[in-house]
């Protein structure tokens, strides 16, 4: 849950928007991952998305956040879902203002 606290602290000022999720992560189509594997995947994806955002690659960051969103919705992890929506909104805002 450390990631959620960190992301919520970073994303408090962000505005969420609606986005359609294109596909599910590949592990969601195979065997059931462990809770630890899920959190590692979420952590890796959030790190990747934040790095993309910091490099000004907002559209690519949104695509990664959509993966986080799909995982969190499928597993009903509402805290992570909220953070994903916040960052999708923030990156969408960045795209519109350029």
Protein backbone atom coordinates (compact mmCIF):
# COMPACT_ATOMS: atom_id res chain seq x y z
CA UNK A 1 0.00 0.00 0.00
CA UNK A 2 3.05 2.27 0.15
CA UNK A 3 2.66 3.01 -3.56
CA UNK A 4 -0.92 4.15 -3.11
CA UNK A 5 -0.01 6.67 -0.42
CA UNK A 6 2.81 8.04 -2.52
CA UNK A 7 0.72 8.28 -5.66
CA UNK A 8 -2.22 9.86 -3.88
CA UNK A 9 0.11 12.46 -2.41
CA UNK A 10 1.44 13.20 -5.90
CA UNK A 11 -1.95 13.14 -7.58
CA UNK A 12 -4.17 15.16 -5.24
CA UNK A 13 -4.35 18.12 -7.61
CA UNK A 14 -5.20 16.13 -10.74
CA UNK A 15 -8.52 16.14 -12.61
CA UNK A 16 -9.84 12.73 -13.78
CA UNK A 17 -11.38 12.17 -17.23
CA UNK A 18 -13.08 9.18 -18.89
CA UNK A 19 -10.89 6.98 -21.12
CA UNK A 20 -11.68 3.62 -22.76
CA UNK A 21 -9.35 0.77 -21.78
CA UNK A 22 -8.08 -0.98 -24.90
CA UNK A 23 -6.80 -4.31 -23.61
CA UNK A 24 -6.10 -6.29 -20.48
CA UNK A 25 -2.59 -7.08 -19.31
CA UNK A 26 -1.28 -10.41 -20.62
CA UNK A 27 -1.07 -12.00 -17.15
CA UNK A 28 -4.82 -11.45 -16.68
CA UNK A 29 -5.48 -13.95 -19.49
CA UNK A 30 -3.41 -16.80 -18.01
CA UNK A 31 -3.11 -18.35 -14.53
CA UNK A 32 -3.95 -16.45 -11.37
CA UNK A 33 -0.97 -14.37 -10.18
CA UNK A 34 -0.16 -14.12 -6.49
CA UNK A 35 -0.92 -10.95 -4.54
CA UNK A 36 2.80 -10.16 -4.49
CA UNK A 37 3.05 -10.53 -8.28
CA UNK A 38 0.10 -8.19 -8.70
CA UNK A 39 1.66 -5.50 -6.49
CA UNK A 40 5.02 -5.86 -8.26
CA UNK A 41 3.28 -5.46 -11.64
CA UNK A 42 1.38 -2.41 -10.41
CA UNK A 43 4.57 -0.88 -8.99
CA UNK A 44 6.49 -1.46 -12.24
CA UNK A 45 3.71 0.01 -14.35
CA UNK A 46 3.29 3.06 -12.12
CA UNK A 47 7.04 3.68 -12.14
CA UNK A 48 7.05 3.41 -15.94
CA UNK A 49 4.07 5.76 -16.29
CA UNK A 50 5.58 8.38 -13.98
CA UNK A 51 8.89 8.26 -15.88
CA UNK A 52 7.03 8.75 -19.17
CA UNK A 53 5.11 11.69 -17.72
CA UNK A 54 8.32 13.28 -16.43
CA UNK A 55 9.80 12.98 -19.93
CA UNK A 56 6.78 14.76 -21.41
CA UNK A 57 5.37 11.63 -23.05
CA UNK A 58 1.85 12.10 -21.74
CA UNK A 59 0.05 9.92 -24.31
CA UNK A 60 2.36 6.99 -23.61
CA UNK A 61 1.93 7.55 -19.87
CA UNK A 62 -1.86 7.40 -20.30
CA UNK A 63 -1.54 4.05 -22.07
CA UNK A 64 0.42 2.63 -19.14
CA UNK A 65 -2.01 4.13 -16.60
CA UNK A 66 -4.82 2.42 -18.53
CA UNK A 67 -3.09 -0.90 -17.85
CA UNK A 68 -2.94 -0.04 -14.14
CA UNK A 69 -6.62 0.91 -14.33
CA UNK A 70 -7.57 -2.40 -15.97
CA UNK A 71 -5.74 -4.39 -13.28
CA UNK A 72 -7.22 -2.38 -10.43
CA UNK A 73 -10.76 -2.62 -11.82
CA UNK A 74 -10.50 -6.35 -12.49
CA UNK A 75 -9.28 -6.98 -8.95
CA UNK A 76 -11.44 -4.28 -7.34
CA UNK A 77 -8.50 -2.39 -5.83
CA UNK A 78 -10.30 0.94 -5.55
CA UNK A 79 -7.37 2.91 -4.14
CA UNK A 80 -5.17 2.06 -7.13
CA UNK A 81 -8.07 2.66 -9.51
CA UNK A 82 -8.52 6.16 -8.10
CA UNK A 83 -4.82 6.94 -8.50
CA UNK A 84 -4.85 5.64 -12.09
CA UNK A 85 -7.80 7.90 -12.93
CA UNK A 86 -6.02 10.86 -11.35
CA UNK A 87 -2.89 10.36 -13.43
CA UNK A 88 -4.87 9.69 -16.61
CA UNK A 89 -6.61 13.01 -16.01
CA UNK A 90 -3.37 14.83 -15.31
CA UNK A 91 -1.71 13.53 -18.46
CA UNK A 92 -4.82 14.32 -20.51
CA UNK A 93 -4.70 17.86 -19.16
CA UNK A 94 -1.02 18.12 -20.15
CA UNK A 95 -1.86 17.01 -23.70
CA UNK A 96 -4.69 19.54 -24.04
CA UNK A 97 -2.63 22.48 -22.80
CA UNK A 98 0.17 21.96 -25.35
